N, C-alpha and C. Protein backbone atom coordinates (compact mmCIF):
# COMPACT_ATOMS: atom_id res chain seq x y z
N MET A 1 158.25 167.24 97.79
CA MET A 1 156.65 167.54 98.06
C MET A 1 155.87 166.30 98.16
N ILE A 2 156.29 165.22 97.23
CA ILE A 2 155.62 163.82 97.39
C ILE A 2 155.96 163.16 98.83
N GLU A 3 157.06 163.39 99.34
CA GLU A 3 157.74 162.96 100.69
C GLU A 3 156.73 163.79 101.54
N PHE A 4 156.53 164.74 101.39
CA PHE A 4 155.88 165.46 102.80
C PHE A 4 154.20 164.88 102.74
N LEU A 5 153.82 164.63 101.49
CA LEU A 5 152.42 164.05 101.48
C LEU A 5 152.48 162.73 101.88
N ASP A 6 153.32 161.69 101.85
CA ASP A 6 153.36 160.66 102.21
C ASP A 6 153.69 160.43 103.61
N GLN A 7 154.41 161.49 104.25
CA GLN A 7 154.56 161.53 105.74
C GLN A 7 153.34 161.94 106.45
N THR A 8 152.49 162.72 105.67
CA THR A 8 151.47 163.20 106.35
C THR A 8 150.27 162.50 106.68
N PRO A 9 149.78 162.32 108.06
CA PRO A 9 148.72 161.31 108.34
C PRO A 9 147.56 161.42 107.46
N LEU A 10 146.82 160.23 107.11
CA LEU A 10 145.46 160.57 106.34
C LEU A 10 144.38 161.13 107.07
N SER A 11 144.39 161.11 108.38
CA SER A 11 143.36 161.48 109.26
C SER A 11 143.26 163.15 109.05
N LEU A 12 144.58 163.81 108.88
CA LEU A 12 144.78 165.05 108.81
C LEU A 12 143.99 165.69 107.32
N PHE A 13 144.10 164.81 106.42
CA PHE A 13 143.63 165.17 105.15
C PHE A 13 142.03 164.96 105.19
N VAL A 14 141.44 163.88 105.97
CA VAL A 14 140.07 163.61 106.13
C VAL A 14 139.53 164.73 107.08
N ALA A 15 140.30 165.03 108.14
CA ALA A 15 139.71 166.34 108.83
C ALA A 15 139.67 167.42 107.96
N ALA A 16 140.54 167.92 107.03
CA ALA A 16 140.57 169.09 106.23
C ALA A 16 139.33 168.89 105.17
N ALA A 17 139.22 167.89 104.72
CA ALA A 17 137.96 167.86 103.93
C ALA A 17 136.79 168.15 104.46
N ALA A 18 136.44 167.33 105.54
CA ALA A 18 135.32 167.54 106.25
C ALA A 18 135.12 168.87 106.68
N THR A 19 135.99 169.64 107.09
CA THR A 19 135.88 171.09 107.52
C THR A 19 135.37 172.02 106.36
N LEU A 20 136.15 171.77 105.14
CA LEU A 20 135.82 172.52 104.07
C LEU A 20 134.56 172.05 103.40
N GLY A 21 134.26 170.82 103.48
CA GLY A 21 132.73 170.24 103.09
C GLY A 21 131.61 170.67 103.87
N LEU A 22 131.77 171.02 105.21
CA LEU A 22 130.78 171.54 105.82
C LEU A 22 130.55 172.95 106.04
N ALA A 23 131.67 173.72 105.45
CA ALA A 23 131.61 175.46 105.56
C ALA A 23 130.51 175.71 104.78
N PRO A 24 129.96 176.79 105.20
CA PRO A 24 130.00 177.39 106.40
C PRO A 24 129.01 177.03 107.40
N PHE A 25 129.56 177.12 108.57
CA PHE A 25 129.02 176.30 109.77
C PHE A 25 127.80 176.79 110.28
N PHE A 26 127.57 178.10 110.16
CA PHE A 26 126.37 178.97 110.45
C PHE A 26 125.62 179.57 109.40
N PRO A 27 124.53 179.72 109.35
CA PRO A 27 123.23 179.26 110.17
C PRO A 27 123.08 177.71 110.13
N GLU A 28 123.58 177.18 108.81
CA GLU A 28 123.64 175.67 108.68
C GLU A 28 124.75 175.30 107.43
N PRO A 29 125.33 173.94 107.80
CA PRO A 29 126.22 173.52 106.67
C PRO A 29 125.61 173.80 105.41
N HIS A 30 126.43 173.96 104.36
CA HIS A 30 126.13 174.25 103.16
C HIS A 30 125.64 173.00 102.42
N ILE A 31 126.36 171.85 102.86
CA ILE A 31 126.00 170.45 102.32
C ILE A 31 124.62 170.01 102.91
N TRP A 32 124.18 170.33 103.99
CA TRP A 32 122.95 169.90 104.73
C TRP A 32 121.87 170.71 103.91
N GLU A 33 122.00 172.06 103.54
CA GLU A 33 121.00 172.73 103.08
C GLU A 33 120.79 172.01 101.39
N LYS A 34 121.84 171.64 100.76
CA LYS A 34 121.62 171.12 99.63
C LYS A 34 120.73 169.66 99.68
N LEU A 35 121.33 169.14 100.69
CA LEU A 35 120.63 167.60 100.88
C LEU A 35 119.26 167.85 101.26
N LYS A 36 118.79 169.16 102.07
CA LYS A 36 117.39 169.25 102.41
C LYS A 36 116.59 169.54 100.94
N MET A 37 117.29 170.53 100.25
CA MET A 37 116.76 170.61 98.83
C MET A 37 116.48 169.73 97.97
N LEU A 38 117.43 168.56 97.88
CA LEU A 38 117.14 167.38 97.18
C LEU A 38 115.93 166.52 97.78
N ARG A 39 115.89 166.54 98.92
CA ARG A 39 114.79 165.65 99.63
C ARG A 39 113.27 166.38 99.39
N ALA A 40 113.52 167.80 99.34
CA ALA A 40 112.18 168.63 99.06
C ALA A 40 112.00 168.72 97.45
N GLY A 41 112.64 168.26 96.81
CA GLY A 41 112.55 168.36 95.22
C GLY A 41 112.86 169.72 94.85
N THR A 42 113.60 170.68 95.64
CA THR A 42 113.60 172.21 94.84
C THR A 42 115.04 172.18 94.30
N LEU A 43 115.96 170.96 94.21
CA LEU A 43 117.18 171.10 93.50
C LEU A 43 116.83 170.81 91.98
N ARG A 44 116.61 172.09 91.38
CA ARG A 44 116.17 172.09 90.04
C ARG A 44 117.38 172.71 89.30
N ARG A 45 118.06 173.63 89.45
CA ARG A 45 118.95 174.25 88.57
C ARG A 45 120.22 173.41 88.35
N GLY A 46 120.83 173.47 87.31
CA GLY A 46 122.03 172.83 87.04
C GLY A 46 123.18 173.08 87.94
N ILE A 47 123.26 174.34 88.49
CA ILE A 47 124.28 174.88 89.04
C ILE A 47 124.00 174.19 90.74
N ASP A 48 122.79 173.97 91.14
CA ASP A 48 122.50 173.45 92.46
C ASP A 48 123.18 171.89 92.46
N TRP A 49 122.71 171.01 91.24
CA TRP A 49 123.37 169.81 91.01
C TRP A 49 124.80 169.63 90.98
N PHE A 50 125.48 170.48 90.47
CA PHE A 50 126.87 170.44 90.42
C PHE A 50 127.29 170.78 91.62
N ASP A 51 126.78 171.66 92.61
CA ASP A 51 127.25 171.90 93.69
C ASP A 51 127.10 170.93 94.84
N LEU A 52 125.96 170.13 94.74
CA LEU A 52 125.73 168.89 95.36
C LEU A 52 126.80 168.16 94.92
N ALA A 53 127.10 167.64 93.86
CA ALA A 53 128.01 166.76 93.40
C ALA A 53 129.70 166.93 93.90
N LEU A 54 129.64 168.26 93.92
CA LEU A 54 131.38 168.64 94.46
C LEU A 54 131.37 168.56 95.82
N HIS A 55 130.26 168.36 96.74
CA HIS A 55 130.35 168.06 97.98
C HIS A 55 130.33 166.49 98.01
């Protein structure tokens, strides 16, 4: 398993992380929604902060 990970290009992992981080794509990416909430000051619940930190 370690050999497989060593042989896999880093760009593949970056693309996978970006794809998962931006999901769902429609109507808007989830991280974009959280960043808008942060800017508007409506990011108040603990679960919202935790969710933003995970992204």
